[in-house]
Amino acid sequence: MINTSSLLLIPDGDFEANDIFGIAVSYANTAQIIQNNIEHMNDPRYLFPAMTCASFSLELLVKFFVFKSTKTEKMWNEKCMDISSIYYGKR
C-alpha cells in the first residue's frame, strides 16, 4: 500500500510560485511511485494514472515559470514606476 499522506500539499492563503512548484514536484513524485509499482507488479492498469500525474506535473511546472516571470515583470514595473515618480516628483 502507498502512503499518500506525504503526497498531498495544500498551501494556505494565496498561491505563490513556490507553492505551484511544490505541487508540481508532488505530482512528479507520485507518478514516479506509481511507475515503480507498475514495474514491480507487472500490472499496466496503473499506467494511465502515472501518465496523468506526470503530465499534470509538467503543466504545473509551465505555470510556475509563467507565474514567476509575470510576477517578476509586475514587480519590475512597480519599481520602475516608483523610481520615475521620485525622479519626476510625483508621489
PDB file of N, CA and C in Angstrom:
ATOM      1  N   MET A   1       0.837  -1.182   0.000  1.00  0.00           N
ATOM      2  CA  MET A   1       0.000   0.000   0.000  1.00  0.00           C
ATOM      3  C   MET A   1       0.882   1.246   0.000  1.00  0.00           C
ATOM      4  N   ILE A   2       0.470   2.263  -0.737  1.00  0.00           N
ATOM      5  CA  ILE A   2       1.235   3.503  -0.856  1.00  0.00           C
ATOM      6  C   ILE A   2       0.807   4.461   0.240  1.00  0.00           C
ATOM      7  N   ASN A   3       1.768   5.049   0.933  1.00  0.00           N
ATOM      8  CA  ASN A   3       1.474   6.068   1.932  1.00  0.00           C
ATOM      9  C   ASN A   3       1.243   7.384   1.206  1.00  0.00           C
ATOM     10  N   THR A   4      -0.010   7.824   1.143  1.00  0.00           N
ATOM     11  CA  THR A   4      -0.344   9.032   0.382  1.00  0.00           C
ATOM     12  C   THR A   4      -0.335  10.297   1.228  1.00  0.00           C
ATOM     13  N   SER A   5      -0.109  10.196   2.519  1.00  0.00           N
ATOM     14  CA  SER A   5      -0.148  11.394   3.364  1.00  0.00           C
ATOM     15  C   SER A   5       0.975  12.365   3.016  1.00  0.00           C
ATOM     16  N   SER A   6       2.112  11.858   2.543  1.00  0.00           N
ATOM     17  CA  SER A   6       3.224  12.749   2.195  1.00  0.00           C
ATOM     18  C   SER A   6       3.124  13.256   0.761  1.00  0.00           C
ATOM     19  N   LEU A   7       2.123  12.801  -0.002  1.00  0.00           N
ATOM     20  CA  LEU A   7       1.995  13.209  -1.389  1.00  0.00           C
ATOM     21  C   LEU A   7       1.092  14.419  -1.572  1.00  0.00           C
ATOM     22  N   LEU A   8       0.354  14.805  -0.548  1.00  0.00           N
ATOM     23  CA  LEU A   8      -0.626  15.878  -0.667  1.00  0.00           C
ATOM     24  C   LEU A   8      -0.068  17.159  -0.078  1.00  0.00           C
ATOM     25  N   LEU A   9      -0.113  18.231  -0.854  1.00  0.00           N
ATOM     26  CA  LEU A   9       0.382  19.526  -0.419  1.00  0.00           C
ATOM     27  C   LEU A   9      -0.717  20.551  -0.627  1.00  0.00           C
ATOM     28  N   ILE A  10      -1.189  21.157   0.467  1.00  0.00           N
ATOM     29  CA  ILE A  10      -2.241  22.166   0.387  1.00  0.00           C
ATOM     30  C   ILE A  10      -1.706  23.446   1.017  1.00  0.00           C
ATOM     31  N   PRO A  11      -1.378  24.462   0.203  1.00  0.00           N
ATOM     32  CA  PRO A  11      -0.857  25.713   0.750  1.00  0.00           C
ATOM     33  C   PRO A  11      -1.969  26.546   1.377  1.00  0.00           C
ATOM     34  N   ASP A  12      -1.608  27.370   2.340  1.00  0.00           N
ATOM     35  CA  ASP A  12      -2.563  28.264   2.991  1.00  0.00           C
ATOM     36  C   ASP A  12      -2.603  29.600   2.263  1.00  0.00           C
ATOM     37  N   GLY A  13      -3.776  30.220   2.205  1.00  0.00           N
ATOM     38  CA  GLY A  13      -3.901  31.566   1.657  1.00  0.00           C
ATOM     39  C   GLY A  13      -3.659  31.644   0.165  1.00  0.00           C
ATOM     40  N   ASP A  14      -3.032  32.748  -0.252  1.00  0.00           N
ATOM     41  CA  ASP A  14      -2.765  32.985  -1.668  1.00  0.00           C
ATOM     42  C   ASP A  14      -1.644  32.073  -2.169  1.00  0.00           C
ATOM     43  N   PHE A  15      -1.757  31.716  -3.441  1.00  0.00           N
ATOM     44  CA  PHE A  15      -0.731  30.889  -4.054  1.00  0.00           C
ATOM     45  C   PHE A  15       0.474  31.742  -4.413  1.00  0.00           C
ATOM     46  N   GLU A  16       1.618  31.198  -4.212  1.00  0.00           N
ATOM     47  CA  GLU A  16       2.870  31.790  -4.655  1.00  0.00           C
ATOM     48  C   GLU A  16       3.494  30.828  -5.654  1.00  0.00           C
ATOM     49  N   ALA A  17       4.510  31.292  -6.340  1.00  0.00           N
ATOM     50  CA  ALA A  17       5.179  30.452  -7.336  1.00  0.00           C
ATOM     51  C   ALA A  17       5.773  29.203  -6.683  1.00  0.00           C
ATOM     52  N   ASN A  18       6.307  29.344  -5.481  1.00  0.00           N
ATOM     53  CA  ASN A  18       6.907  28.191  -4.803  1.00  0.00           C
ATOM     54  C   ASN A  18       5.864  27.134  -4.450  1.00  0.00           C
ATOM     55  N   ASP A  19       4.624  27.571  -4.159  1.00  0.00           N
ATOM     56  CA  ASP A  19       3.545  26.611  -3.888  1.00  0.00           C
ATOM     57  C   ASP A  19       3.228  25.793  -5.130  1.00  0.00           C
ATOM     58  N   ILE A  20       3.148  26.465  -6.264  1.00  0.00           N
ATOM     59  CA  ILE A  20       2.875  25.767  -7.526  1.00  0.00           C
ATOM     60  C   ILE A  20       4.004  24.785  -7.837  1.00  0.00           C
ATOM     61  N   PHE A  21       5.236  25.201  -7.604  1.00  0.00           N
ATOM     62  CA  PHE A  21       6.374  24.326  -7.836  1.00  0.00           C
ATOM     63  C   PHE A  21       6.320  23.108  -6.915  1.00  0.00           C
ATOM     64  N   GLY A  22       5.973  23.319  -5.659  1.00  0.00           N
ATOM     65  CA  GLY A  22       5.875  22.215  -4.704  1.00  0.00           C
ATOM     66  C   GLY A  22       4.812  21.208  -5.097  1.00  0.00           C
ATOM     67  N   ILE A  23       3.676  21.687  -5.566  1.00  0.00           N
ATOM     68  CA  ILE A  23       2.609  20.789  -6.013  1.00  0.00           C
ATOM     69  C   ILE A  23       3.060  20.020  -7.253  1.00  0.00           C
ATOM     70  N   ALA A  24       3.762  20.696  -8.165  1.00  0.00           N
ATOM     71  CA  ALA A  24       4.275  20.024  -9.372  1.00  0.00           C
ATOM     72  C   ALA A  24       5.247  18.909  -8.999  1.00  0.00           C
ATOM     73  N   VAL A  25       6.114  19.175  -8.042  1.00  0.00           N
ATOM     74  CA  VAL A  25       7.067  18.155  -7.603  1.00  0.00           C
ATOM     75  C   VAL A  25       6.326  16.985  -6.945  1.00  0.00           C
ATOM     76  N   SER A  26       5.270  17.283  -6.192  1.00  0.00           N
ATOM     77  CA  SER A  26       4.487  16.212  -5.564  1.00  0.00           C
ATOM     78  C   SER A  26       3.846  15.310  -6.611  1.00  0.00           C
ATOM     79  N   TYR A  27       3.299  15.916  -7.660  1.00  0.00           N
ATOM     80  CA  TYR A  27       2.712  15.102  -8.738  1.00  0.00           C
ATOM     81  C   TYR A  27       3.779  14.289  -9.460  1.00  0.00           C
ATOM     82  N   ALA A  28       4.952  14.871  -9.664  1.00  0.00           N
ATOM     83  CA  ALA A  28       6.030  14.125 -10.329  1.00  0.00           C
ATOM     84  C   ALA A  28       6.482  12.950  -9.462  1.00  0.00           C
ATOM     85  N   ASN A  29       6.581  13.171  -8.149  1.00  0.00           N
ATOM     86  CA  ASN A  29       6.954  12.078  -7.245  1.00  0.00           C
ATOM     87  C   ASN A  29       5.887  10.984  -7.226  1.00  0.00           C
ATOM     88  N   THR A  30       4.619  11.393  -7.256  1.00  0.00           N
ATOM     89  CA  THR A  30       3.532  10.419  -7.291  1.00  0.00           C
ATOM     90  C   THR A  30       3.604   9.586  -8.562  1.00  0.00           C
ATOM     91  N   ALA A  31       3.857  10.233  -9.689  1.00  0.00           N
ATOM     92  CA  ALA A  31       3.988   9.498 -10.954  1.00  0.00           C
ATOM     93  C   ALA A  31       5.137   8.503 -10.885  1.00  0.00           C
ATOM     94  N   GLN A  32       6.231   8.902 -10.266  1.00  0.00           N
ATOM     95  CA  GLN A  32       7.390   8.006 -10.148  1.00  0.00           C
ATOM     96  C   GLN A  32       7.073   6.812  -9.259  1.00  0.00           C
ATOM     97  N   ILE A  33       6.355   7.053  -8.152  1.00  0.00           N
ATOM     98  CA  ILE A  33       5.986   5.958  -7.255  1.00  0.00           C
ATOM     99  C   ILE A  33       5.060   4.970  -7.967  1.00  0.00           C
ATOM    100  N   ILE A  34       4.071   5.504  -8.695  1.00  0.00           N
ATOM    101  CA  ILE A  34       3.154   4.636  -9.433  1.00  0.00           C
ATOM    102  C   ILE A  34       3.915   3.838 -10.492  1.00  0.00           C
ATOM    103  N   GLN A  35       4.830   4.499 -11.191  1.00  0.00           N
ATOM    104  CA  GLN A  35       5.598   3.810 -12.228  1.00  0.00           C
ATOM    105  C   GLN A  35       6.455   2.696 -11.626  1.00  0.00           C
ATOM    106  N   ASN A  36       7.053   2.966 -10.472  1.00  0.00           N
ATOM    107  CA  ASN A  36       7.844   1.913  -9.814  1.00  0.00           C
ATOM    108  C   ASN A  36       6.974   0.729  -9.426  1.00  0.00           C
ATOM    109  N   ASN A  37       5.762   1.000  -8.951  1.00  0.00           N
ATOM    110  CA  ASN A  37       4.854  -0.094  -8.594  1.00  0.00           C
ATOM    111  C   ASN A  37       4.410  -0.871  -9.823  1.00  0.00           C
ATOM    112  N   ILE A  38       4.221  -0.183 -10.938  1.00  0.00           N
ATOM    113  CA  ILE A  38       3.858  -0.876 -12.183  1.00  0.00           C
ATOM    114  C   ILE A  38       4.964  -1.846 -12.579  1.00  0.00           C
ATOM    115  N   GLU A  39       6.223  -1.400 -12.477  1.00  0.00           N
ATOM    116  CA  GLU A  39       7.348  -2.258 -12.849  1.00  0.00           C
ATOM    117  C   GLU A  39       7.481  -3.458 -11.929  1.00  0.00           C
ATOM    118  N   HIS A  40       7.258  -3.270 -10.627  1.00  0.00           N
ATOM    119  CA  HIS A  40       7.415  -4.373  -9.672  1.00  0.00           C
ATOM    120  C   HIS A  40       6.273  -5.373  -9.749  1.00  0.00           C
ATOM    121  N   MET A  41       5.069  -4.888 -10.008  1.00  0.00           N
ATOM    122  CA  MET A  41       3.902  -5.771 -10.019  1.00  0.00           C
ATOM    123  C   MET A  41       3.570  -6.301 -11.409  1.00  0.00           C
ATOM    124  N   ASN A  42       4.212  -5.767 -12.433  1.00  0.00           N
ATOM    125  CA  ASN A  42       3.901  -6.133 -13.822  1.00  0.00           C
ATOM    126  C   ASN A  42       2.410  -5.982 -14.116  1.00  0.00           C
ATOM    127  N   ASP A  43       1.861  -4.847 -13.650  1.00  0.00           N
ATOM    128  CA  ASP A  43       0.432  -4.580 -13.815  1.00  0.00           C
ATOM    129  C   ASP A  43       0.262  -3.236 -14.521  1.00  0.00           C
ATOM    130  N   PRO A  44      -0.084  -3.250 -15.810  1.00  0.00           N
ATOM    131  CA  PRO A  44      -0.173  -1.998 -16.571  1.00  0.00           C
ATOM    132  C   PRO A  44      -1.456  -1.196 -16.328  1.00  0.00           C
ATOM    133  N   ARG A  45      -2.327  -1.652 -15.415  1.00  0.00           N
ATOM    134  CA  ARG A  45      -3.575  -0.919 -15.175  1.00  0.00           C
ATOM    135  C   ARG A  45      -3.332   0.485 -14.625  1.00  0.00           C
ATOM    136  N   TYR A  46      -2.218   0.679 -13.971  1.00  0.00           N
ATOM    137  CA  TYR A  46      -1.932   1.975 -13.356  1.00  0.00           C
ATOM    138  C   TYR A  46      -1.098   2.884 -14.252  1.00  0.00           C
ATOM    139  N   LEU A  47      -0.952   2.511 -15.498  1.00  0.00           N
ATOM    140  CA  LEU A  47      -0.182   3.316 -16.432  1.00  0.00           C
ATOM    141  C   LEU A  47      -0.847   4.670 -16.687  1.00  0.00           C
ATOM    142  N   PHE A  48      -2.171   4.672 -16.859  1.00  0.00           N
ATOM    143  CA  PHE A  48      -2.882   5.929 -17.109  1.00  0.00           C
ATOM    144  C   PHE A  48      -2.755   6.907 -15.939  1.00  0.00           C
ATOM    145  N   PRO A  49      -2.948   6.490 -14.668  1.00  0.00           N
ATOM    146  CA  PRO A  49      -2.731   7.439 -13.565  1.00  0.00           C
ATOM    147  C   PRO A  49      -1.301   7.974 -13.502  1.00  0.00           C
ATOM    148  N   ALA A  50      -0.327   7.124 -13.824  1.00  0.00           N
ATOM    149  CA  ALA A  50       1.068   7.583 -13.820  1.00  0.00           C
ATOM    150  C   ALA A  50       1.290   8.640 -14.895  1.00  0.00           C
ATOM    151  N   MET A  51       0.733   8.384 -16.085  1.00  0.00           N
ATOM    152  CA  MET A  51       0.881   9.361 -17.176  1.00  0.00           C
ATOM    153  C   MET A  51       0.134  10.652 -16.857  1.00  0.00           C
ATOM    154  N   THR A  52      -1.021  10.541 -16.222  1.00  0.00           N
ATOM    155  CA  THR A  52      -1.793  11.731 -15.856  1.00  0.00           C
ATOM    156  C   THR A  52      -1.038  12.577 -14.835  1.00  0.00           C
ATOM    157  N   CYS A  53      -0.477  11.945 -13.824  1.00  0.00           N
ATOM    158  CA  CYS A  53       0.286  12.688 -12.814  1.00  0.00           C
ATOM    159  C   CYS A  53       1.526  13.346 -13.426  1.00  0.00           C
ATOM    160  N   ALA A  54       2.215  12.623 -14.292  1.00  0.00           N
ATOM    161  CA  ALA A  54       3.403  13.186 -14.933  1.00  0.00           C
ATOM    162  C   ALA A  54       3.030  14.364 -15.830  1.00  0.00           C
ATOM    163  N   SER A  55       1.953  14.227 -16.577  1.00  0.00           N
ATOM    164  CA  SER A  55       1.517  15.312 -17.458  1.00  0.00           C
ATOM    165  C   SER A  55       1.092  16.532 -16.659  1.00  0.00           C
ATOM    166  N   PHE A  56       0.364  16.297 -15.573  1.00  0.00           N
ATOM    167  CA  PHE A  56      -0.087  17.410 -14.756  1.00  0.00           C
ATOM    168  C   PHE A  56       1.089  18.104 -14.075  1.00  0.00           C
ATOM    169  N   SER A  57       2.105  17.343 -13.698  1.00  0.00           N
ATOM    170  CA  SER A  57       3.283  17.977 -13.092  1.00  0.00           C
ATOM    171  C   SER A  57       4.000  18.865 -14.107  1.00  0.00           C
ATOM    172  N   LEU A  58       4.054  18.427 -15.371  1.00  0.00           N
ATOM    173  CA  LEU A  58       4.657  19.269 -16.412  1.00  0.00           C
ATOM    174  C   LEU A  58       3.834  20.544 -16.623  1.00  0.00           C
ATOM    175  N   GLU A  59       2.518  20.397 -16.626  1.00  0.00           N
ATOM    176  CA  GLU A  59       1.653  21.569 -16.779  1.00  0.00           C
ATOM    177  C   GLU A  59       1.866  22.560 -15.635  1.00  0.00           C
ATOM    178  N   LEU A  60       1.973  22.054 -14.420  1.00  0.00           N
ATOM    179  CA  LEU A  60       2.199  22.940 -13.278  1.00  0.00           C
ATOM    180  C   LEU A  60       3.579  23.580 -13.326  1.00  0.00           C
ATOM    181  N   LEU A  61       4.576  22.867 -13.842  1.00  0.00           N
ATOM    182  CA  LEU A  61       5.901  23.478 -13.981  1.00  0.00           C
ATOM    183  C   LEU A  61       5.874  24.636 -14.984  1.00  0.00           C
ATOM    184  N   VAL A  62       5.131  24.464 -16.077  1.00  0.00           N
ATOM    185  CA  VAL A  62       4.987  25.561 -17.040  1.00  0.00           C
ATOM    186  C   VAL A  62       4.279  26.733 -16.383  1.00  0.00           C
ATOM    187  N   LYS A  63       3.218  26.454 -15.621  1.00  0.00           N
ATOM    188  CA  LYS A  63       2.503  27.521 -14.910  1.00  0.00           C
ATOM    189  C   LYS A  63       3.411  28.207 -13.897  1.00  0.00           C
ATOM    190  N   PHE A  64       4.287  27.443 -13.245  1.00  0.00           N
ATOM    191  CA  PHE A  64       5.237  28.020 -12.300  1.00  0.00           C
ATOM    192  C   PHE A  64       6.131  29.044 -12.993  1.00  0.00           C
ATOM    193  N   PHE A  65       6.689  28.670 -14.148  1.00  0.00           N
ATOM    194  CA  PHE A  65       7.585  29.591 -14.844  1.00  0.00           C
ATOM    195  C   PHE A  65       6.832  30.810 -15.385  1.00  0.00           C
ATOM    196  N   VAL A  66       5.609  30.621 -15.858  1.00  0.00           N
ATOM    197  CA  VAL A  66       4.805  31.758 -16.328  1.00  0.00           C
ATOM    198  C   VAL A  66       4.458  32.664 -15.165  1.00  0.00           C
ATOM    199  N   PHE A  67       4.036  32.083 -14.056  1.00  0.00           N
ATOM    200  CA  PHE A  67       3.681  32.856 -12.864  1.00  0.00           C
ATOM    201  C   PHE A  67       4.892  33.623 -12.349  1.00  0.00           C
ATOM    202  N   LYS A  68       6.036  32.944 -12.309  1.00  0.00           N
ATOM    203  CA  LYS A  68       7.264  33.569 -11.815  1.00  0.00           C
ATOM    204  C   LYS A  68       7.682  34.740 -12.707  1.00  0.00           C
ATOM    205  N   SER A  69       7.632  34.558 -14.034  1.00  0.00           N
ATOM    206  CA  SER A  69       8.051  35.632 -14.937  1.00  0.00           C
ATOM    207  C   SER A  69       7.052  36.788 -14.904  1.00  0.00           C
ATOM    208  N   THR A  70       5.752  36.486 -14.801  1.00  0.00           N
ATOM    209  CA  THR A  70       4.738  37.544 -14.736  1.00  0.00           C
ATOM    210  C   THR A  70       4.884  38.345 -13.460  1.00  0.00           C
ATOM    211  N   LYS A  71       5.088  37.644 -12.345  1.00  0.00           N
ATOM    212  CA  LYS A  71       5.236  38.332 -11.062  1.00  0.00           C
ATOM    213  C   LYS A  71       6.506  39.176 -11.049  1.00  0.00           C
ATOM    214  N   THR A  72       7.591  38.644 -11.611  1.00  0.00           N
ATOM    215  CA  THR A  72       8.841  39.400 -11.671  1.00  0.00           C
ATOM    216  C   THR A  72       8.668  40.636 -12.549  1.00  0.00           C
ATOM    217  N   GLU A  73       7.974  40.476 -13.671  1.00  0.00           N
ATOM    218  CA  GLU A  73       7.741  41.611 -14.563  1.00  0.00           C
ATOM    219  C   GLU A  73       6.877  42.668 -13.878  1.00  0.00           C
ATOM    220  N   LYS A  74       5.861  42.231 -13.156  1.00  0.00           N
ATOM    221  CA  LYS A  74       4.986  43.169 -12.447  1.00  0.00           C
ATOM    222  C   LYS A  74       5.763  43.917 -11.364  1.00  0.00           C
ATOM    223  N   MET A  75       6.605  43.190 -10.613  1.00  0.00           N
ATOM    224  CA  MET A  75       7.412  43.839  -9.577  1.00  0.00           C
ATOM    225  C   MET A  75       8.389  44.822 -10.209  1.00  0.00           C
ATOM    226  N   TRP A  76       8.981  44.457 -11.355  1.00  0.00           N
ATOM    227  CA  TRP A  76       9.908  45.335 -12.042  1.00  0.00           C
ATOM    228  C   TRP A  76       9.204  46.610 -12.491  1.00  0.00           C
ATOM    229  N   ASN A  77       8.002  46.476 -13.049  1.00  0.00           N
ATOM    230  CA  ASN A  77       7.241  47.648 -13.491  1.00  0.00           C
ATOM    231  C   ASN A  77       6.877  48.543 -12.318  1.00  0.00           C
ATOM    232  N   GLU A  78       6.511  47.956 -11.168  1.00  0.00           N
ATOM    233  CA  GLU A  78       6.198  48.758  -9.982  1.00  0.00           C
ATOM    234  C   GLU A  78       7.425  49.506  -9.491  1.00  0.00           C
ATOM    235  N   LYS A  79       8.590  48.851  -9.506  1.00  0.00           N
ATOM    236  CA  LYS A  79       9.823  49.527  -9.088  1.00  0.00           C
ATOM    237  C   LYS A  79      10.159  50.668 -10.032  1.00  0.00           C
ATOM    238  N   CYS A  80       9.963  50.438 -11.345  1.00  0.00           N
ATOM    239  CA  CYS A  80      10.230  51.496 -12.313  1.00  0.00           C
ATOM    240  C   CYS A  80       9.291  52.675 -12.095  1.00  0.00           C
ATOM    241  N   MET A  81       8.043  52.398 -11.772  1.00  0.00           N
ATOM    242  CA  MET A  81       7.083  53.473 -11.506  1.00  0.00           C
ATOM    243  C   MET A  81       7.483  54.250 -10.262  1.00  0.00           C
ATOM    244  N   ASP A  82       7.957  53.536  -9.228  1.00  0.00           N
ATOM    245  CA  ASP A  82       8.410  54.208  -8.014  1.00  0.00           C
ATOM    246  C   ASP A  82       9.622  55.090  -8.300  1.00  0.00           C
ATOM    247  N   ILE A  83      10.556  54.578  -9.087  1.00  0.00           N
ATOM    248  CA  ILE A  83      11.756  55.351  -9.415  1.00  0.00           C
ATOM    249  C   ILE A  83      11.390  56.565 -10.259  1.00  0.00           C
ATOM    250  N   SER A  84      10.506  56.371 -11.244  1.00  0.00           N
ATOM    251  CA  SER A  84      10.128  57.503 -12.093  1.00  0.00           C
ATOM    252  C   SER A  84       9.329  58.531 -11.308  1.00  0.00           C
ATOM    253  N   SER A  85       8.508  58.093 -10.341  1.00  0.00           N
ATOM    254  CA  SER A  85       7.744  59.058  -9.552  1.00  0.00           C
ATOM    255  C   SER A  85       8.665  59.872  -8.654  1.00  0.00           C
ATOM    256  N   ILE A  86       9.741  59.255  -8.174  1.00  0.00           N
ATOM    257  CA  ILE A  86      10.710  60.014  -7.374  1.00  0.00           C
ATOM    258  C   ILE A  86      11.448  61.003  -8.277  1.00  0.00           C
ATOM    259  N   TYR A  87      11.828  60.555  -9.471  1.00  0.00           N
ATOM    260  CA  TYR A  87      12.584  61.392 -10.390  1.00  0.00           C
ATOM    261  C   TYR A  87      11.765  62.583 -10.868  1.00  0.00           C
ATOM    262  N   TYR A  88      10.494  62.347 -11.184  1.00  0.00           N
ATOM    263  CA  TYR A  88       9.646  63.418 -11.706  1.00  0.00           C
ATOM    264  C   TYR A  88       8.880  64.153 -10.608  1.00  0.00           C
ATOM    265  N   GLY A  89       9.080  63.748  -9.364  1.00  0.00           N
ATOM    266  CA  GLY A  89       8.468  64.459  -8.255  1.00  0.00           C
ATOM    267  C   GLY A  89       6.985  64.142  -8.056  1.00  0.00           C
ATOM    268  N   LYS A  90       6.512  63.051  -8.577  1.00  0.00           N
ATOM    269  CA  LYS A  90       5.109  62.648  -8.398  1.00  0.00           C
ATOM    270  C   LYS A  90       5.068  61.490  -7.413  1.00  0.00           C
ATOM    271  N   ARG A  91       4.397  61.713  -6.352  1.00  0.00           N
ATOM    272  CA  ARG A  91       4.276  60.616  -5.395  1.00  0.00           C
ATOM    273  C   ARG A  91       2.966  60.600  -4.746  1.00  0.00           C
TER     274      ARG A  91
END
